[in-house]
């Protein structure tokens, strides 16, 4: 296995083309689970979902497979899939691991990012600012994914980037949901600003602290959103 995965991670861009059918299905089903429209234990029948969304069973099956990696769905051999929303303790554990992994990436990015990589990160940060002004949470989420991916790549540690991205995939539906909270886009941007400034000045401890605090706030924002449903 290659020791440097930074380049593949860095190719994630907010200007990417339209979502695939599978990706759209995954996000729609994830939203319904996180919002409570689909309750824990509810069966996810492939044929029913395919008819509901007007697609074949193939993208539905792949979307369910991807959701199982997020802990939102439990796939039981020969018995189908059911909604399996993680417990509060499980979510806390996931966010705690996410915070430490992302903090480590940010610290290494402050030390290792090249000048072009720093400029690219600044560009993504400015794109996020424009989306805050537009009040577009869906697009903000997409660009936010690219922003964090750029930091993973900037760590120049392929293995760390890989396991951080894997963990982020599991937490992604919950991170996406918190952007619906009032004022959350602006808050996220301000937290990012602290991270970016620390990385640009090469402040490794500052980048670690800012990123860890950011993920902690994301966790709390999701809790507040979930409790208000």
Protein backbone atom coordinates (compact mmCIF):
# COMPACT_ATOMS: atom_id res chain seq x y z
CA UNK A 1 0.00 0.00 0.00
CA UNK A 2 1.42 3.46 -0.85
CA UNK A 3 2.64 5.43 2.09
CA UNK A 4 1.44 8.77 0.69
CA UNK A 5 -2.31 9.19 0.16
CA UNK A 6 -2.25 12.96 0.26
CA UNK A 7 -2.70 13.47 -3.48
CA UNK A 8 -5.95 11.43 -3.79
CA UNK A 9 -7.41 13.17 -0.74
CA UNK A 10 -6.43 16.59 -2.07
CA UNK A 11 -8.38 16.00 -5.29
CA UNK A 12 -11.66 16.44 -3.40
CA UNK A 13 -12.96 19.81 -4.62
CA UNK A 14 -16.14 21.80 -4.04
CA UNK A 15 -16.48 22.28 -7.79
CA UNK A 16 -17.05 18.55 -8.32
CA UNK A 17 -19.83 17.54 -10.70
CA UNK A 18 -23.41 16.66 -9.82
CA UNK A 19 -23.98 14.07 -7.15
CA UNK A 20 -24.42 10.50 -8.27
CA UNK A 21 -27.79 8.87 -7.77
CA UNK A 22 -26.33 6.77 -4.96
CA UNK A 23 -24.91 9.84 -3.21
CA UNK A 24 -28.23 11.68 -3.42
CA UNK A 25 -30.07 8.67 -2.01
CA UNK A 26 -27.54 8.27 0.79
CA UNK A 27 -27.92 11.89 1.85
CA UNK A 28 -31.74 11.79 1.68
CA UNK A 29 -32.00 8.62 3.73
CA UNK A 30 -29.37 9.87 6.20
CA UNK A 31 -31.34 13.10 6.68
CA UNK A 32 -34.51 11.15 7.46
CA UNK A 33 -32.69 8.97 9.99
CA UNK A 34 -30.90 11.84 11.74
CA UNK A 35 -34.09 13.96 11.83
CA UNK A 36 -36.11 11.07 13.28
CA UNK A 37 -38.41 10.62 10.29
CA UNK A 38 -37.04 7.07 10.09
CA UNK A 39 -36.89 5.69 13.62
CA UNK A 40 -34.35 3.23 15.05
CA UNK A 41 -35.39 -0.32 14.18
CA UNK A 42 -37.38 0.75 11.12
CA UNK A 43 -36.82 -1.66 8.20
CA UNK A 44 -35.25 -0.35 5.00
CA UNK A 45 -36.83 -2.32 2.19
CA UNK A 46 -34.83 -1.95 -1.03
CA UNK A 47 -37.84 -2.42 -3.32
CA UNK A 48 -39.96 0.07 -1.39
CA UNK A 49 -37.18 2.69 -1.37
CA UNK A 50 -36.49 2.16 -5.07
CA UNK A 51 -40.17 2.75 -5.89
CA UNK A 52 -40.35 5.78 -3.61
CA UNK A 53 -37.33 7.50 -5.14
CA UNK A 54 -37.98 6.30 -8.70
CA UNK A 55 -34.71 4.41 -9.11
CA UNK A 56 -33.54 0.84 -9.51
CA UNK A 57 -32.57 -1.27 -6.51
CA UNK A 58 -28.86 -1.06 -7.33
CA UNK A 59 -28.24 2.54 -6.11
CA UNK A 60 -30.50 1.87 -3.12
CA UNK A 61 -28.45 -1.17 -2.17
CA UNK A 62 -25.19 0.80 -2.47
CA UNK A 63 -26.59 3.74 -0.46
CA UNK A 64 -27.59 1.35 2.33
CA UNK A 65 -24.13 -0.20 2.27
CA UNK A 66 -22.54 3.23 2.65
CA UNK A 67 -24.92 4.19 5.45
CA UNK A 68 -23.94 1.09 7.37
CA UNK A 69 -20.40 2.51 7.52
CA UNK A 70 -21.81 5.58 9.30
CA UNK A 71 -23.52 3.47 11.95
CA UNK A 72 -26.91 4.66 10.73
CA UNK A 73 -27.96 1.33 9.28
CA UNK A 74 -27.51 -2.23 10.48
CA UNK A 75 -27.35 -4.77 7.66
CA UNK A 76 -28.36 -8.24 8.86
CA UNK A 77 -27.45 -11.25 6.70
CA UNK A 78 -30.55 -12.76 5.07
CA UNK A 79 -32.79 -10.41 7.08
CA UNK A 80 -32.35 -7.04 5.38
CA UNK A 81 -31.36 -3.64 6.76
CA UNK A 82 -32.82 -1.60 9.61
CA UNK A 83 -32.21 1.89 10.98
CA UNK A 84 -29.61 1.68 13.72
CA UNK A 85 -28.96 5.21 15.03
CA UNK A 86 -25.88 5.20 17.28
CA UNK A 87 -26.45 5.74 20.99
CA UNK A 88 -25.36 9.08 22.55
CA UNK A 89 -22.36 7.30 24.05
CA UNK A 90 -21.37 5.87 20.67
CA UNK A 91 -21.67 9.30 19.08
CA UNK A 92 -19.54 10.83 21.83
CA UNK A 93 -16.88 8.19 21.20
CA UNK A 94 -16.97 8.86 17.46
CA UNK A 95 -16.67 12.62 17.88
CA UNK A 96 -13.89 12.25 20.45
CA UNK A 97 -11.85 10.13 18.03
CA UNK A 98 -12.68 12.53 15.18
CA UNK A 99 -11.47 15.52 17.21
CA UNK A 100 -8.11 13.93 18.00
CA UNK A 101 -7.49 12.72 14.44
CA UNK A 102 -8.41 16.05 12.87
CA UNK A 103 -6.37 17.96 15.45
CA UNK A 104 -3.34 15.85 14.58
CA UNK A 105 -3.90 16.51 10.86
CA UNK A 106 -4.18 20.26 11.47
CA UNK A 107 -1.00 20.31 13.53
CA UNK A 108 0.97 18.46 10.88
CA UNK A 109 -0.55 20.67 8.17
CA UNK A 110 0.76 23.74 10.00
CA UNK A 111 4.21 22.20 9.83
CA UNK A 112 4.15 20.47 6.45
CA UNK A 113 1.81 22.30 4.05
CA UNK A 114 3.46 23.69 0.93
CA UNK A 115 2.86 27.27 -0.20
CA UNK A 116 0.42 26.18 -2.98
CA UNK A 117 -1.47 24.00 -0.48
CA UNK A 118 -1.80 26.92 1.93
CA UNK A 119 -3.11 29.13 -0.86
CA UNK A 120 -5.63 26.45 -1.84
CA UNK A 121 -6.81 26.20 1.76
CA UNK A 122 -7.26 29.98 1.89
CA UNK A 123 -9.30 29.77 -1.32
CA UNK A 124 -11.63 27.17 0.15
CA UNK A 125 -11.97 29.29 3.28
CA UNK A 126 -13.07 32.25 1.18
CA UNK A 127 -15.53 30.06 -0.71
CA UNK A 128 -17.07 29.11 2.63
CA UNK A 129 -17.36 32.77 3.58
CA UNK A 130 -19.38 33.44 0.42
CA UNK A 131 -21.68 30.51 1.22
CA UNK A 132 -22.27 31.85 4.74
CA UNK A 133 -23.40 35.12 3.16
CA UNK A 134 -25.71 33.22 0.80
CA UNK A 135 -27.08 31.08 3.63
CA UNK A 136 -26.63 27.84 1.68
CA UNK A 137 -26.11 24.97 4.18
CA UNK A 138 -26.12 22.19 1.55
CA UNK A 139 -23.38 23.81 -0.52
CA UNK A 140 -21.53 24.85 2.62
CA UNK A 141 -21.42 21.20 3.70
CA UNK A 142 -19.94 20.14 0.37
CA UNK A 143 -17.25 22.82 0.45
CA UNK A 144 -16.61 22.11 4.10
CA UNK A 145 -15.79 18.51 3.15
CA UNK A 146 -13.18 19.79 0.69
CA UNK A 147 -11.79 22.21 3.30
CA UNK A 148 -11.18 19.44 5.81
CA UNK A 149 -9.85 17.09 3.11
CA UNK A 150 -7.28 19.73 2.17
CA UNK A 151 -6.05 19.76 5.76
CA UNK A 152 -5.81 15.96 5.83
CA UNK A 153 -3.76 16.07 2.62
CA UNK A 154 -1.65 18.90 4.00
CA UNK A 155 -0.55 16.73 6.89
CA UNK A 156 1.60 14.83 4.35
CA UNK A 157 0.95 11.64 6.31
CA UNK A 158 -0.90 9.24 4.04
CA UNK A 159 -1.91 6.77 6.72
CA UNK A 160 -3.25 9.49 9.02
CA UNK A 161 -5.18 11.04 6.12
CA UNK A 162 -6.71 7.65 5.31
CA UNK A 163 -7.94 6.80 8.81
CA UNK A 164 -9.16 10.35 9.40
CA UNK A 165 -11.22 10.25 6.21
CA UNK A 166 -12.64 6.86 7.18
CA UNK A 167 -13.70 8.20 10.57
CA UNK A 168 -15.16 11.32 9.00
CA UNK A 169 -17.30 9.16 6.72
CA UNK A 170 -18.90 7.56 9.76
CA UNK A 171 -19.60 10.91 11.41
CA UNK A 172 -20.56 12.81 8.23
CA UNK A 173 -24.39 12.55 8.50
CA UNK A 174 -24.29 14.11 11.96
CA UNK A 175 -21.85 16.83 10.94
CA UNK A 176 -24.11 17.66 8.00
CA UNK A 177 -27.24 17.87 10.14
CA UNK A 178 -25.79 20.49 12.52
CA UNK A 179 -25.56 23.06 9.71
CA UNK A 180 -29.34 23.46 9.90
CA UNK A 181 -29.06 25.07 13.34
CA UNK A 182 -29.57 28.83 13.35
CA UNK A 183 -26.29 30.73 13.10
CA UNK A 184 -24.24 27.57 12.67
CA UNK A 185 -22.76 28.48 9.28
CA UNK A 186 -21.28 31.70 10.62
CA UNK A 187 -20.01 29.95 13.72
CA UNK A 188 -18.35 27.23 11.67
CA UNK A 189 -16.65 29.81 9.48
CA UNK A 190 -15.25 31.66 12.50
CA UNK A 191 -13.91 28.39 13.94
CA UNK A 192 -12.31 27.61 10.59
CA UNK A 193 -10.70 31.03 10.57
CA UNK A 194 -8.80 30.24 13.76
CA UNK A 195 -7.62 26.96 12.22
CA UNK A 196 -6.56 28.57 8.94
CA UNK A 197 -4.66 31.41 10.62
CA UNK A 198 -2.76 28.96 12.84
CA UNK A 199 -1.84 26.80 9.84
CA UNK A 200 -0.73 29.80 7.77
CA UNK A 201 1.60 31.05 10.48
CA UNK A 202 2.98 27.54 11.07
CA UNK A 203 1.62 27.39 14.61
CA UNK A 204 1.36 23.64 15.21
CA UNK A 205 0.04 23.79 18.83
CA UNK A 206 -2.41 26.53 17.86
CA UNK A 207 -3.75 24.54 14.90
CA UNK A 208 -4.19 21.46 17.09
CA UNK A 209 -6.07 23.41 19.75
CA UNK A 210 -8.28 25.26 17.24
CA UNK A 211 -9.26 22.08 15.38
CA UNK A 212 -9.98 20.11 18.54
CA UNK A 213 -12.19 22.95 19.80
CA UNK A 214 -13.96 23.13 16.43
CA UNK A 215 -14.93 19.45 16.42
CA UNK A 216 -16.12 19.74 20.02
CA UNK A 217 -18.42 22.59 18.99
CA UNK A 218 -19.67 20.54 16.03
CA UNK A 219 -20.57 17.73 18.44
CA UNK A 220 -22.42 20.13 20.73
CA UNK A 221 -24.22 21.75 17.79
CA UNK A 222 -25.49 18.39 16.61
CA UNK A 223 -26.69 17.54 20.13
CA UNK A 224 -28.63 20.82 20.28
CA UNK A 225 -30.12 20.21 16.84
CA UNK A 226 -31.15 16.64 17.73
CA UNK A 227 -32.68 17.68 21.06
CA UNK A 228 -34.78 20.34 19.34
CA UNK A 229 -36.37 17.88 16.89
